[in-house]
Amino acid sequence: MRPADLEAIARRVVDETVAALPADVAAAAEGVATVFEPRPARHWLDDGVMPYDLGLFSGPSMRDPEASCGDEAPLVTLFLRNIADYSGWNAAAFEEEVERTWLHEFGHYLGLEERDMAPRDLD
């Protein structure tokens, strides 16, 4: 697995993950953009994101769509170098972790809290 291939692999995995969701949940996923970054940028670190985090959800959730987020739309950001490091740069493990991390962050959009993730094997 080459660093240059990470985004293409991750994009495919996210698309496959969304396609495998139940229709109503997949429809909700259409309202959430996904972007790919190598690692958290300085502005995220300044806001409390850890340098080793694998993903981040930002914006309003379905549970609280009126939350004060300005003009911010729901967004999942996956930190691909961090996921690759966590996965030991193993292609199969990388794909599994992209799926797991995306589902975790999308869970936040659905209104799940961290404590809600463990029973779903998404912690």
PDB file of N, CA and C in Angstrom:
ATOM      1  N   MET A   1       0.861  -1.176   0.000  1.00  0.00           N
ATOM      2  CA  MET A   1       0.000   0.000   0.000  1.00  0.00           C
ATOM      3  C   MET A   1       0.901   1.230   0.000  1.00  0.00           C
ATOM      4  N   ARG A   2       0.695   2.073  -0.991  1.00  0.00           N
ATOM      5  CA  ARG A   2       1.498   3.289  -1.106  1.00  0.00           C
ATOM      6  C   ARG A   2       0.739   4.491  -0.542  1.00  0.00           C
ATOM      7  N   PRO A   3       1.442   5.443   0.052  1.00  0.00           N
ATOM      8  CA  PRO A   3       0.766   6.638   0.570  1.00  0.00           C
ATOM      9  C   PRO A   3      -0.100   7.324  -0.484  1.00  0.00           C
ATOM     10  N   ALA A   4       0.334   7.329  -1.723  1.00  0.00           N
ATOM     11  CA  ALA A   4      -0.427   7.985  -2.779  1.00  0.00           C
ATOM     12  C   ALA A   4      -1.758   7.287  -3.055  1.00  0.00           C
ATOM     13  N   ASP A   5      -1.890   6.042  -2.671  1.00  0.00           N
ATOM     14  CA  ASP A   5      -3.113   5.270  -2.933  1.00  0.00           C
ATOM     15  C   ASP A   5      -4.151   5.371  -1.815  1.00  0.00           C
ATOM     16  N   LEU A   6      -3.784   5.961  -0.697  1.00  0.00           N
ATOM     17  CA  LEU A   6      -4.656   5.940   0.476  1.00  0.00           C
ATOM     18  C   LEU A   6      -6.030   6.546   0.205  1.00  0.00           C
ATOM     19  N   GLU A   7      -6.069   7.696  -0.449  1.00  0.00           N
ATOM     20  CA  GLU A   7      -7.355   8.355  -0.667  1.00  0.00           C
ATOM     21  C   GLU A   7      -8.253   7.546  -1.590  1.00  0.00           C
ATOM     22  N   ALA A   8      -7.715   7.006  -2.661  1.00  0.00           N
ATOM     23  CA  ALA A   8      -8.529   6.210  -3.587  1.00  0.00           C
ATOM     24  C   ALA A   8      -9.099   4.984  -2.879  1.00  0.00           C
ATOM     25  N   ILE A   9      -8.286   4.335  -2.075  1.00  0.00           N
ATOM     26  CA  ILE A   9      -8.753   3.165  -1.322  1.00  0.00           C
ATOM     27  C   ILE A   9      -9.837   3.582  -0.335  1.00  0.00           C
ATOM     28  N   ALA A  10      -9.587   4.661   0.399  1.00  0.00           N
ATOM     29  CA  ALA A  10     -10.542   5.119   1.410  1.00  0.00           C
ATOM     30  C   ALA A  10     -11.856   5.547   0.766  1.00  0.00           C
ATOM     31  N   ARG A  11     -11.783   6.240  -0.342  1.00  0.00           N
ATOM     32  CA  ARG A  11     -13.007   6.676  -1.029  1.00  0.00           C
ATOM     33  C   ARG A  11     -13.847   5.468  -1.452  1.00  0.00           C
ATOM     34  N   ARG A  12     -13.190   4.442  -1.989  1.00  0.00           N
ATOM     35  CA  ARG A  12     -13.896   3.225  -2.390  1.00  0.00           C
ATOM     36  C   ARG A  12     -14.546   2.556  -1.186  1.00  0.00           C
ATOM     37  N   VAL A  13     -13.803   2.449  -0.087  1.00  0.00           N
ATOM     38  CA  VAL A  13     -14.335   1.801   1.119  1.00  0.00           C
ATOM     39  C   VAL A  13     -15.532   2.577   1.664  1.00  0.00           C
ATOM     40  N   VAL A  14     -15.453   3.894   1.707  1.00  0.00           N
ATOM     41  CA  VAL A  14     -16.575   4.694   2.196  1.00  0.00           C
ATOM     42  C   VAL A  14     -17.786   4.509   1.286  1.00  0.00           C
ATOM     43  N   ASP A  15     -17.581   4.546  -0.019  1.00  0.00           N
ATOM     44  CA  ASP A  15     -18.696   4.333  -0.954  1.00  0.00           C
ATOM     45  C   ASP A  15     -19.341   2.967  -0.744  1.00  0.00           C
ATOM     46  N   GLU A  16     -18.528   1.928  -0.578  1.00  0.00           N
ATOM     47  CA  GLU A  16     -19.053   0.580  -0.337  1.00  0.00           C
ATOM     48  C   GLU A  16     -19.780   0.495   1.003  1.00  0.00           C
ATOM     49  N   THR A  17     -19.264   1.191   1.997  1.00  0.00           N
ATOM     50  CA  THR A  17     -19.886   1.187   3.318  1.00  0.00           C
ATOM     51  C   THR A  17     -21.265   1.834   3.261  1.00  0.00           C
ATOM     52  N   VAL A  18     -21.357   2.972   2.597  1.00  0.00           N
ATOM     53  CA  VAL A  18     -22.646   3.656   2.469  1.00  0.00           C
ATOM     54  C   VAL A  18     -23.626   2.782   1.680  1.00  0.00           C
ATOM     55  N   ALA A  19     -23.154   2.160   0.620  1.00  0.00           N
ATOM     56  CA  ALA A  19     -24.020   1.317  -0.216  1.00  0.00           C
ATOM     57  C   ALA A  19     -24.566   0.114   0.563  1.00  0.00           C
ATOM     58  N   ALA A  20     -23.840  -0.327   1.584  1.00  0.00           N
ATOM     59  CA  ALA A  20     -24.263  -1.488   2.363  1.00  0.00           C
ATOM     60  C   ALA A  20     -25.217  -1.127   3.509  1.00  0.00           C
ATOM     61  N   LEU A  21     -25.418   0.153   3.758  1.00  0.00           N
ATOM     62  CA  LEU A  21     -26.309   0.577   4.841  1.00  0.00           C
ATOM     63  C   LEU A  21     -27.763   0.350   4.456  1.00  0.00           C
ATOM     64  N   PRO A  22     -28.647   0.175   5.449  1.00  0.00           N
ATOM     65  CA  PRO A  22     -30.080   0.140   5.140  1.00  0.00           C
ATOM     66  C   PRO A  22     -30.481   1.420   4.405  1.00  0.00           C
ATOM     67  N   ALA A  23     -31.475   1.342   3.562  1.00  0.00           N
ATOM     68  CA  ALA A  23     -31.848   2.454   2.679  1.00  0.00           C
ATOM     69  C   ALA A  23     -32.069   3.767   3.423  1.00  0.00           C
ATOM     70  N   ASP A  24     -32.768   3.736   4.557  1.00  0.00           N
ATOM     71  CA  ASP A  24     -33.037   4.982   5.268  1.00  0.00           C
ATOM     72  C   ASP A  24     -31.768   5.583   5.868  1.00  0.00           C
ATOM     73  N   VAL A  25     -30.864   4.740   6.321  1.00  0.00           N
ATOM     74  CA  VAL A  25     -29.604   5.228   6.891  1.00  0.00           C
ATOM     75  C   VAL A  25     -28.691   5.727   5.763  1.00  0.00           C
ATOM     76  N   ALA A  26     -28.670   5.006   4.651  1.00  0.00           N
ATOM     77  CA  ALA A  26     -27.880   5.455   3.494  1.00  0.00           C
ATOM     78  C   ALA A  26     -28.381   6.801   3.005  1.00  0.00           C
ATOM     79  N   ALA A  27     -29.693   7.014   3.028  1.00  0.00           N
ATOM     80  CA  ALA A  27     -30.238   8.312   2.619  1.00  0.00           C
ATOM     81  C   ALA A  27     -29.734   9.419   3.544  1.00  0.00           C
ATOM     82  N   ALA A  28     -29.663   9.137   4.836  1.00  0.00           N
ATOM     83  CA  ALA A  28     -29.125  10.113   5.787  1.00  0.00           C
ATOM     84  C   ALA A  28     -27.653  10.389   5.504  1.00  0.00           C
ATOM     85  N   ALA A  29     -26.933   9.363   5.097  1.00  0.00           N
ATOM     86  CA  ALA A  29     -25.500   9.521   4.809  1.00  0.00           C
ATOM     87  C   ALA A  29     -25.257  10.445   3.618  1.00  0.00           C
ATOM     88  N   GLU A  30     -26.236  10.540   2.735  1.00  0.00           N
ATOM     89  CA  GLU A  30     -26.085  11.430   1.573  1.00  0.00           C
ATOM     90  C   GLU A  30     -25.938  12.886   1.996  1.00  0.00           C
ATOM     91  N   GLY A  31     -26.418  13.220   3.187  1.00  0.00           N
ATOM     92  CA  GLY A  31     -26.312  14.590   3.681  1.00  0.00           C
ATOM     93  C   GLY A  31     -25.028  14.895   4.417  1.00  0.00           C
ATOM     94  N   VAL A  32     -24.114  13.943   4.440  1.00  0.00           N
ATOM     95  CA  VAL A  32     -22.853  14.116   5.159  1.00  0.00           C
ATOM     96  C   VAL A  32     -21.698  13.983   4.166  1.00  0.00           C
ATOM     97  N   ALA A  33     -20.918  15.032   4.054  1.00  0.00           N
ATOM     98  CA  ALA A  33     -19.737  14.978   3.180  1.00  0.00           C
ATOM     99  C   ALA A  33     -18.609  14.251   3.908  1.00  0.00           C
ATOM    100  N   THR A  34     -17.731  13.634   3.131  1.00  0.00           N
ATOM    101  CA  THR A  34     -16.539  13.002   3.686  1.00  0.00           C
ATOM    102  C   THR A  34     -15.328  13.579   2.978  1.00  0.00           C
ATOM    103  N   VAL A  35     -14.348  13.997   3.767  1.00  0.00           N
ATOM    104  CA  VAL A  35     -13.088  14.486   3.219  1.00  0.00           C
ATOM    105  C   VAL A  35     -11.951  13.682   3.825  1.00  0.00           C
ATOM    106  N   PHE A  36     -10.841  13.689   3.131  1.00  0.00           N
ATOM    107  CA  PHE A  36      -9.681  12.901   3.520  1.00  0.00           C
ATOM    108  C   PHE A  36      -8.490  13.832   3.702  1.00  0.00           C
ATOM    109  N   GLU A  37      -7.857  13.715   4.843  1.00  0.00           N
ATOM    110  CA  GLU A  37      -6.663  14.492   5.165  1.00  0.00           C
ATOM    111  C   GLU A  37      -5.600  13.516   5.645  1.00  0.00           C
ATOM    112  N   PRO A  38      -4.329  13.866   5.482  1.00  0.00           N
ATOM    113  CA  PRO A  38      -3.288  12.955   5.973  1.00  0.00           C
ATOM    114  C   PRO A  38      -3.309  12.837   7.499  1.00  0.00           C
ATOM    115  N   ARG A  39      -3.332  13.977   8.168  1.00  0.00           N
ATOM    116  CA  ARG A  39      -3.308  14.051   9.628  1.00  0.00           C
ATOM    117  C   ARG A  39      -4.057  15.314  10.048  1.00  0.00           C
ATOM    118  N   PRO A  40      -4.412  15.436  11.324  1.00  0.00           N
ATOM    119  CA  PRO A  40      -5.090  16.663  11.756  1.00  0.00           C
ATOM    120  C   PRO A  40      -4.208  17.900  11.530  1.00  0.00           C
ATOM    121  N   ALA A  41      -4.812  18.928  10.990  1.00  0.00           N
ATOM    122  CA  ALA A  41      -4.115  20.198  10.767  1.00  0.00           C
ATOM    123  C   ALA A  41      -3.983  20.956  12.088  1.00  0.00           C
ATOM    124  N   ARG A  42      -3.130  21.948  12.095  1.00  0.00           N
ATOM    125  CA  ARG A  42      -2.847  22.735  13.306  1.00  0.00           C
ATOM    126  C   ARG A  42      -4.129  23.297  13.929  1.00  0.00           C
ATOM    127  N   HIS A  43      -5.052  23.813  13.104  1.00  0.00           N
ATOM    128  CA  HIS A  43      -6.264  24.407  13.670  1.00  0.00           C
ATOM    129  C   HIS A  43      -7.094  23.374  14.429  1.00  0.00           C
ATOM    130  N   TRP A  44      -7.077  22.110  14.009  1.00  0.00           N
ATOM    131  CA  TRP A  44      -7.783  21.075  14.755  1.00  0.00           C
ATOM    132  C   TRP A  44      -7.049  20.775  16.058  1.00  0.00           C
ATOM    133  N   LEU A  45      -5.726  20.708  15.976  1.00  0.00           N
ATOM    134  CA  LEU A  45      -4.940  20.455  17.195  1.00  0.00           C
ATOM    135  C   LEU A  45      -5.183  21.560  18.209  1.00  0.00           C
ATOM    136  N   ASP A  46      -5.271  22.803  17.722  1.00  0.00           N
ATOM    137  CA  ASP A  46      -5.547  23.929  18.611  1.00  0.00           C
ATOM    138  C   ASP A  46      -6.932  23.825  19.248  1.00  0.00           C
ATOM    139  N   ASP A  47      -7.853  23.118  18.586  1.00  0.00           N
ATOM    140  CA  ASP A  47      -9.213  22.940  19.104  1.00  0.00           C
ATOM    141  C   ASP A  47      -9.375  21.666  19.925  1.00  0.00           C
ATOM    142  N   GLY A  48      -8.281  20.935  20.173  1.00  0.00           N
ATOM    143  CA  GLY A  48      -8.346  19.774  21.044  1.00  0.00           C
ATOM    144  C   GLY A  48      -8.322  18.423  20.359  1.00  0.00           C
ATOM    145  N   VAL A  49      -8.274  18.393  19.031  1.00  0.00           N
ATOM    146  CA  VAL A  49      -8.125  17.118  18.335  1.00  0.00           C
ATOM    147  C   VAL A  49      -6.718  16.602  18.617  1.00  0.00           C
ATOM    148  N   MET A  50      -6.600  15.319  18.870  1.00  0.00           N
ATOM    149  CA  MET A  50      -5.300  14.734  19.171  1.00  0.00           C
ATOM    150  C   MET A  50      -4.551  14.437  17.864  1.00  0.00           C
ATOM    151  N   PRO A  51      -3.236  14.541  17.859  1.00  0.00           N
ATOM    152  CA  PRO A  51      -2.476  14.326  16.621  1.00  0.00           C
ATOM    153  C   PRO A  51      -2.604  12.912  16.065  1.00  0.00           C
ATOM    154  N   TYR A  52      -3.016  11.958  16.899  1.00  0.00           N
ATOM    155  CA  TYR A  52      -3.136  10.562  16.468  1.00  0.00           C
ATOM    156  C   TYR A  52      -4.581  10.150  16.175  1.00  0.00           C
ATOM    157  N   ASP A  53      -5.551  11.080  16.275  1.00  0.00           N
ATOM    158  CA  ASP A  53      -6.945  10.727  16.004  1.00  0.00           C
ATOM    159  C   ASP A  53      -7.096  10.199  14.578  1.00  0.00           C
ATOM    160  N   LEU A  54      -8.047   9.296  14.408  1.00  0.00           N
ATOM    161  CA  LEU A  54      -8.274   8.662  13.112  1.00  0.00           C
ATOM    162  C   LEU A  54      -9.338   9.377  12.291  1.00  0.00           C
ATOM    163  N   GLY A  55     -10.244  10.048  12.960  1.00  0.00           N
ATOM    164  CA  GLY A  55     -11.315  10.735  12.255  1.00  0.00           C
ATOM    165  C   GLY A  55     -11.950  11.791  13.128  1.00  0.00           C
ATOM    166  N   LEU A  56     -12.834  12.569  12.494  1.00  0.00           N
ATOM    167  CA  LEU A  56     -13.487  13.673  13.190  1.00  0.00           C
ATOM    168  C   LEU A  56     -14.834  13.931  12.533  1.00  0.00           C
ATOM    169  N   PHE A  57     -15.859  14.127  13.345  1.00  0.00           N
ATOM    170  CA  PHE A  57     -17.135  14.603  12.834  1.00  0.00           C
ATOM    171  C   PHE A  57     -17.290  16.044  13.251  1.00  0.00           C
ATOM    172  N   SER A  58     -17.730  16.888  12.331  1.00  0.00           N
ATOM    173  CA  SER A  58     -18.008  18.278  12.656  1.00  0.00           C
ATOM    174  C   SER A  58     -19.325  18.680  12.006  1.00  0.00           C
ATOM    175  N   GLY A  59     -19.953  19.668  12.599  1.00  0.00           N
ATOM    176  CA  GLY A  59     -21.228  20.149  12.092  1.00  0.00           C
ATOM    177  C   GLY A  59     -22.385  19.672  12.954  1.00  0.00           C
ATOM    178  N   PRO A  60     -23.592  20.031  12.549  1.00  0.00           N
ATOM    179  CA  PRO A  60     -24.768  19.639  13.321  1.00  0.00           C
ATOM    180  C   PRO A  60     -25.091  18.165  13.134  1.00  0.00           C
ATOM    181  N   SER A  61     -25.634  17.560  14.179  1.00  0.00           N
ATOM    182  CA  SER A  61     -26.065  16.161  14.094  1.00  0.00           C
ATOM    183  C   SER A  61     -27.555  16.119  13.778  1.00  0.00           C
ATOM    184  N   MET A  62     -28.034  14.941  13.444  1.00  0.00           N
ATOM    185  CA  MET A  62     -29.469  14.772  13.219  1.00  0.00           C
ATOM    186  C   MET A  62     -30.248  14.975  14.510  1.00  0.00           C
ATOM    187  N   ARG A  63     -29.623  14.671  15.632  1.00  0.00           N
ATOM    188  CA  ARG A  63     -30.279  14.817  16.930  1.00  0.00           C
ATOM    189  C   ARG A  63     -30.475  16.283  17.278  1.00  0.00           C
ATOM    190  N   ASP A  64     -29.538  17.123  16.842  1.00  0.00           N
ATOM    191  CA  ASP A  64     -29.603  18.545  17.175  1.00  0.00           C
ATOM    192  C   ASP A  64     -29.253  19.381  15.943  1.00  0.00           C
ATOM    193  N   PRO A  65     -30.119  19.356  14.915  1.00  0.00           N
ATOM    194  CA  PRO A  65     -29.799  20.065  13.675  1.00  0.00           C
ATOM    195  C   PRO A  65     -29.742  21.575  13.838  1.00  0.00           C
ATOM    196  N   GLU A  66     -30.296  22.086  14.919  1.00  0.00           N
ATOM    197  CA  GLU A  66     -30.287  23.526  15.159  1.00  0.00           C
ATOM    198  C   GLU A  66     -29.072  23.960  15.975  1.00  0.00           C
ATOM    199  N   ALA A  67     -28.164  23.021  16.259  1.00  0.00           N
ATOM    200  CA  ALA A  67     -26.978  23.342  17.061  1.00  0.00           C
ATOM    201  C   ALA A  67     -26.225  24.484  16.410  1.00  0.00           C
ATOM    202  N   SER A  68     -25.620  25.270  17.232  1.00  0.00           N
ATOM    203  CA  SER A  68     -24.884  26.429  16.745  1.00  0.00           C
ATOM    204  C   SER A  68     -23.596  25.998  16.055  1.00  0.00           C
ATOM    205  N   CYS A  69     -23.659  25.863  14.746  1.00  0.00           N
ATOM    206  CA  CYS A  69     -22.491  25.497  13.951  1.00  0.00           C
ATOM    207  C   CYS A  69     -22.289  26.499  12.828  1.00  0.00           C
ATOM    208  N   GLY A  70     -22.947  27.638  12.938  1.00  0.00           N
ATOM    209  CA  GLY A  70     -22.836  28.614  11.865  1.00  0.00           C
ATOM    210  C   GLY A  70     -23.385  28.036  10.576  1.00  0.00           C
ATOM    211  N   ASP A  71     -22.646  28.213   9.530  1.00  0.00           N
ATOM    212  CA  ASP A  71     -23.039  27.680   8.225  1.00  0.00           C
ATOM    213  C   ASP A  71     -22.433  26.312   7.968  1.00  0.00           C
ATOM    214  N   GLU A  72     -21.875  25.714   8.995  1.00  0.00           N
ATOM    215  CA  GLU A  72     -21.174  24.445   8.850  1.00  0.00           C
ATOM    216  C   GLU A  72     -22.143  23.316   8.523  1.00  0.00           C
ATOM    217  N   ALA A  73     -21.812  22.540   7.503  1.00  0.00           N
ATOM    218  CA  ALA A  73     -22.590  21.360   7.128  1.00  0.00           C
ATOM    219  C   ALA A  73     -21.976  20.133   7.791  1.00  0.00           C
ATOM    220  N   PRO A  74     -22.740  19.054   7.953  1.00  0.00           N
ATOM    221  CA  PRO A  74     -22.187  17.833   8.545  1.00  0.00           C
ATOM    222  C   PRO A  74     -21.017  17.311   7.697  1.00  0.00           C
ATOM    223  N   LEU A  75     -19.933  16.966   8.381  1.00  0.00           N
ATOM    224  CA  LEU A  75     -18.713  16.570   7.689  1.00  0.00           C
ATOM    225  C   LEU A  75     -17.961  15.512   8.485  1.00  0.00           C
ATOM    226  N   VAL A  76     -17.582  14.431   7.806  1.00  0.00           N
ATOM    227  CA  VAL A  76     -16.681  13.435   8.377  1.00  0.00           C
ATOM    228  C   VAL A  76     -15.322  13.644   7.731  1.00  0.00           C
ATOM    229  N   THR A  77     -14.306  13.784   8.558  1.00  0.00           N
ATOM    230  CA  THR A  77     -12.933  13.879   8.076  1.00  0.00           C
ATOM    231  C   THR A  77     -12.189  12.635   8.539  1.00  0.00           C
ATOM    232  N   LEU A  78     -11.561  11.949   7.598  1.00  0.00           N
ATOM    233  CA  LEU A  78     -10.736  10.787   7.924  1.00  0.00           C
ATOM    234  C   LEU A  78      -9.277  11.164   7.749  1.00  0.00           C
ATOM    235  N   PHE A  79      -8.464  10.845   8.754  1.00  0.00           N
ATOM    236  CA  PHE A  79      -7.036  11.150   8.739  1.00  0.00           C
ATOM    237  C   PHE A  79      -6.284   9.906   8.273  1.00  0.00           C
ATOM    238  N   LEU A  80      -6.017   9.859   6.976  1.00  0.00           N
ATOM    239  CA  LEU A  80      -5.582   8.629   6.330  1.00  0.00           C
ATOM    240  C   LEU A  80      -4.203   8.149   6.754  1.00  0.00           C
ATOM    241  N   ARG A  81      -3.256   9.025   6.958  1.00  0.00           N
ATOM    242  CA  ARG A  81      -1.928   8.581   7.424  1.00  0.00           C
ATOM    243  C   ARG A  81      -2.037   7.992   8.824  1.00  0.00           C
ATOM    244  N   ASN A  82      -2.870   8.604   9.649  1.00  0.00           N
ATOM    245  CA  ASN A  82      -3.059   8.066  10.999  1.00  0.00           C
ATOM    246  C   ASN A  82      -3.714   6.688  10.954  1.00  0.00           C
ATOM    247  N   ILE A  83      -4.694   6.524  10.077  1.00  0.00           N
ATOM    248  CA  ILE A  83      -5.345   5.220   9.947  1.00  0.00           C
ATOM    249  C   ILE A  83      -4.347   4.197   9.413  1.00  0.00           C
ATOM    250  N   ALA A  84      -3.529   4.587   8.449  1.00  0.00           N
ATOM    251  CA  ALA A  84      -2.522   3.672   7.903  1.00  0.00           C
ATOM    252  C   ALA A  84      -1.504   3.289   8.978  1.00  0.00           C
ATOM    253  N   ASP A  85      -1.053   4.274   9.757  1.00  0.00           N
ATOM    254  CA  ASP A  85      -0.125   3.978  10.854  1.00  0.00           C
ATOM    255  C   ASP A  85      -0.766   3.007  11.844  1.00  0.00           C
ATOM    256  N   TYR A  86      -1.997   3.286  12.227  1.00  0.00           N
ATOM    257  CA  TYR A  86      -2.728   2.447  13.182  1.00  0.00           C
ATOM    258  C   TYR A  86      -2.889   1.030  12.646  1.00  0.00           C
ATOM    259  N   SER A  87      -3.045   0.909  11.340  1.00  0.00           N
ATOM    260  CA  SER A  87      -3.259  -0.380  10.681  1.00  0.00           C
ATOM    261  C   SER A  87      -1.963  -1.073  10.299  1.00  0.00           C
ATOM    262  N   GLY A  88      -0.834  -0.484  10.666  1.00  0.00           N
ATOM    263  CA  GLY A  88       0.453  -1.076  10.332  1.00  0.00           C
ATOM    264  C   GLY A  88       0.734  -1.096   8.828  1.00  0.00           C
ATOM    265  N   TRP A  89       0.088  -0.194   8.100  1.00  0.00           N
ATOM    266  CA  TRP A  89       0.249  -0.089   6.650  1.00  0.00           C
ATOM    267  C   TRP A  89      -0.101  -1.400   5.950  1.00  0.00           C
ATOM    268  N   ASN A  90      -1.004  -2.149   6.562  1.00  0.00           N
ATOM    269  CA  ASN A  90      -1.521  -3.381   5.975  1.00  0.00           C
ATOM    270  C   ASN A  90      -2.817  -3.024   5.243  1.00  0.00           C
ATOM    271  N   ALA A  91      -2.923  -3.388   3.960  1.00  0.00           N
ATOM    272  CA  ALA A  91      -4.051  -2.961   3.129  1.00  0.00           C
ATOM    273  C   ALA A  91      -5.394  -3.421   3.687  1.00  0.00           C
ATOM    274  N   ALA A  92      -5.492  -4.690   4.071  1.00  0.00           N
ATOM    275  CA  ALA A  92      -6.766  -5.200   4.588  1.00  0.00           C
ATOM    276  C   ALA A  92      -7.135  -4.506   5.900  1.00  0.00           C
ATOM    277  N   ALA A  93      -6.167  -4.343   6.779  1.00  0.00           N
ATOM    278  CA  ALA A  93      -6.426  -3.678   8.057  1.00  0.00           C
ATOM    279  C   ALA A  93      -6.790  -2.207   7.841  1.00  0.00           C
ATOM    280  N   PHE A  94      -6.146  -1.571   6.870  1.00  0.00           N
ATOM    281  CA  PHE A  94      -6.459  -0.178   6.542  1.00  0.00           C
ATOM    282  C   PHE A  94      -7.916  -0.061   6.098  1.00  0.00           C
ATOM    283  N   GLU A  95      -8.353  -0.923   5.200  1.00  0.00           N
ATOM    284  CA  GLU A  95      -9.725  -0.883   4.714  1.00  0.00           C
ATOM    285  C   GLU A  95     -10.721  -1.093   5.855  1.00  0.00           C
ATOM    286  N   GLU A  96     -10.442  -2.055   6.726  1.00  0.00           N
ATOM    287  CA  GLU A  96     -11.324  -2.305   7.869  1.00  0.00           C
ATOM    288  C   GLU A  96     -11.405  -1.087   8.778  1.00  0.00           C
ATOM    289  N   GLU A  97     -10.261  -0.445   9.003  1.00  0.00           N
ATOM    290  CA  GLU A  97     -10.259   0.705   9.910  1.00  0.00           C
ATOM    291  C   GLU A  97     -10.902   1.929   9.273  1.00  0.00           C
ATOM    292  N   VAL A  98     -10.766   2.104   7.964  1.00  0.00           N
ATOM    293  CA  VAL A  98     -11.476   3.201   7.287  1.00  0.00           C
ATOM    294  C   VAL A  98     -12.974   3.017   7.485  1.00  0.00           C
ATOM    295  N   GLU A  99     -13.475   1.800   7.256  1.00  0.00           N
ATOM    296  CA  GLU A  99     -14.905   1.535   7.425  1.00  0.00           C
ATOM    297  C   GLU A  99     -15.338   1.803   8.866  1.00  0.00           C
ATOM    298  N   ARG A 100     -14.593   1.266   9.809  1.00  0.00           N
ATOM    299  CA  ARG A 100     -14.930   1.401  11.224  1.00  0.00           C
ATOM    300  C   ARG A 100     -14.899   2.867  11.658  1.00  0.00           C
ATOM    301  N   THR A 101     -13.866   3.592  11.235  1.00  0.00           N
ATOM    302  CA  THR A 101     -13.737   4.993  11.629  1.00  0.00           C
ATOM    303  C   THR A 101     -14.838   5.831  10.990  1.00  0.00           C
ATOM    304  N   TRP A 102     -15.126   5.574   9.710  1.00  0.00           N
ATOM    305  CA  TRP A 102     -16.205   6.336   9.064  1.00  0.00           C
ATOM    306  C   TRP A 102     -17.529   6.071   9.771  1.00  0.00           C
ATOM    307  N   LEU A 103     -17.834   4.810  10.069  1.00  0.00           N
ATOM    308  CA  LEU A 103     -19.077   4.487  10.770  1.00  0.00           C
ATOM    309  C   LEU A 103     -19.138   5.150  12.146  1.00  0.00           C
ATOM    310  N   HIS A 104     -18.012   5.191  12.842  1.00  0.00           N
ATOM    311  CA  HIS A 104     -17.953   5.851  14.147  1.00  0.00           C
ATOM    312  C   HIS A 104     -18.310   7.331  14.002  1.00  0.00           C
ATOM    313  N   GLU A 105     -17.649   8.004  13.076  1.00  0.00           N
ATOM    314  CA  GLU A 105     -17.885   9.444  12.894  1.00  0.00           C
ATOM    315  C   GLU A 105     -19.297   9.706  12.376  1.00  0.00           C
ATOM    316  N   PHE A 106     -19.787   8.877  11.468  1.00  0.00           N
ATOM    317  CA  PHE A 106     -21.158   9.005  10.976  1.00  0.00           C
ATOM    318  C   PHE A 106     -22.137   8.778  12.126  1.00  0.00           C
ATOM    319  N   GLY A 107     -21.789   7.891  13.044  1.00  0.00           N
ATOM    320  CA  GLY A 107     -22.619   7.676  14.231  1.00  0.00           C
ATOM    321  C   GLY A 107     -22.828   8.957  15.013  1.00  0.00           C
ATOM    322  N   HIS A 108     -21.804   9.798  15.072  1.00  0.00           N
ATOM    323  CA  HIS A 108     -21.958  11.095  15.740  1.00  0.00           C
ATOM    324  C   HIS A 108     -22.993  11.950  15.008  1.00  0.00           C
ATOM    325  N   TYR A 109     -22.991  11.896  13.689  1.00  0.00           N
ATOM    326  CA  TYR A 109     -24.007  12.617  12.922  1.00  0.00           C
ATOM    327  C   TYR A 109     -25.404  12.115  13.287  1.00  0.00           C
ATOM    328  N   LEU A 110     -25.533  10.814  13.478  1.00  0.00           N
ATOM    329  CA  LEU A 110     -26.828  10.237  13.845  1.00  0.00           C
ATOM    330  C   LEU A 110     -27.233  10.585  15.273  1.00  0.00           C
ATOM    331  N   GLY A 111     -26.307  11.161  16.027  1.00  0.00           N
ATOM    332  CA  GLY A 111     -26.594  11.582  17.398  1.00  0.00           C
ATOM    333  C   GLY A 111     -26.023  10.684  18.457  1.00  0.00           C
ATOM    334  N   LEU A 112     -25.221   9.705  18.072  1.00  0.00           N
ATOM    335  CA  LEU A 112     -24.618   8.806  19.054  1.00  0.00           C
ATOM    336  C   LEU A 112     -23.467   9.501  19.775  1.00  0.00           C
ATOM    337  N   GLU A 113     -23.351   9.203  21.047  1.00  0.00           N
ATOM    338  CA  GLU A 113     -22.243   9.704  21.863  1.00  0.00           C
ATOM    339  C   GLU A 113     -21.167   8.620  21.928  1.00  0.00           C
ATOM    340  N   GLU A 114     -20.015   8.951  22.468  1.00  0.00           N
ATOM    341  CA  GLU A 114     -18.920   7.972  22.589  1.00  0.00           C
ATOM    342  C   GLU A 114     -19.383   6.718  23.331  1.00  0.00           C
ATOM    343  N   ARG A 115     -20.161   6.893  24.393  1.00  0.00           N
ATOM    344  CA  ARG A 115     -20.616   5.738  25.184  1.00  0.00           C
ATOM    345  C   ARG A 115     -21.542   4.825  24.380  1.00  0.00           C
ATOM    346  N   ASP A 116     -22.150   5.362  23.323  1.00  0.00           N
ATOM    347  CA  ASP A 116     -23.049   4.568  22.480  1.00  0.00           C
ATOM    348  C   ASP A 116     -22.299   3.729  21.445  1.00  0.00           C
ATOM    349  N   MET A 117     -21.012   3.996  21.260  1.00  0.00           N
ATOM    350  CA  MET A 117     -20.259   3.338  20.208  1.00  0.00           C
ATOM    351  C   MET A 117     -19.827   1.915  20.579  1.00  0.00           C
ATOM    352  N   ALA A 118     -19.434   1.697  21.820  1.00  0.00           N
ATOM    353  CA  ALA A 118     -18.934   0.384  22.234  1.00  0.00           C
ATOM    354  C   ALA A 118     -19.928  -0.743  21.980  1.00  0.00           C
ATOM    355  N   PRO A 119     -21.212  -0.597  22.350  1.00  0.00           N
ATOM    356  CA  PRO A 119     -22.151  -1.685  22.072  1.00  0.00           C
ATOM    357  C   PRO A 119     -22.303  -1.985  20.570  1.00  0.00           C
ATOM    358  N   ARG A 120     -21.928  -1.039  19.752  1.00  0.00           N
ATOM    359  CA  ARG A 120     -22.011  -1.210  18.299  1.00  0.00           C
ATOM    360  C   ARG A 120     -20.665  -1.612  17.693  1.00  0.00           C
ATOM    361  N   ASP A 121     -19.680  -1.884  18.574  1.00  0.00           N
ATOM    362  CA  ASP A 121     -18.324  -2.234  18.173  1.00  0.00           C
ATOM    363  C   ASP A 121     -17.692  -1.140  17.305  1.00  0.00           C
ATOM    364  N   LEU A 122     -17.962   0.104  17.685  1.00  0.00           N
ATOM    365  CA  LEU A 122     -17.435   1.256  16.943  1.00  0.00           C
ATOM    366  C   LEU A 122     -16.620   2.185  17.842  1.00  0.00           C
ATOM    367  N   ASP A 123     -16.154   1.674  18.980  1.00  0.00           N
ATOM    368  CA  ASP A 123     -15.376   2.530  19.873  1.00  0.00           C
ATOM    369  C   ASP A 123     -13.928   2.586  19.475  1.00  0.00           C
TER     370      ASP A 123
END
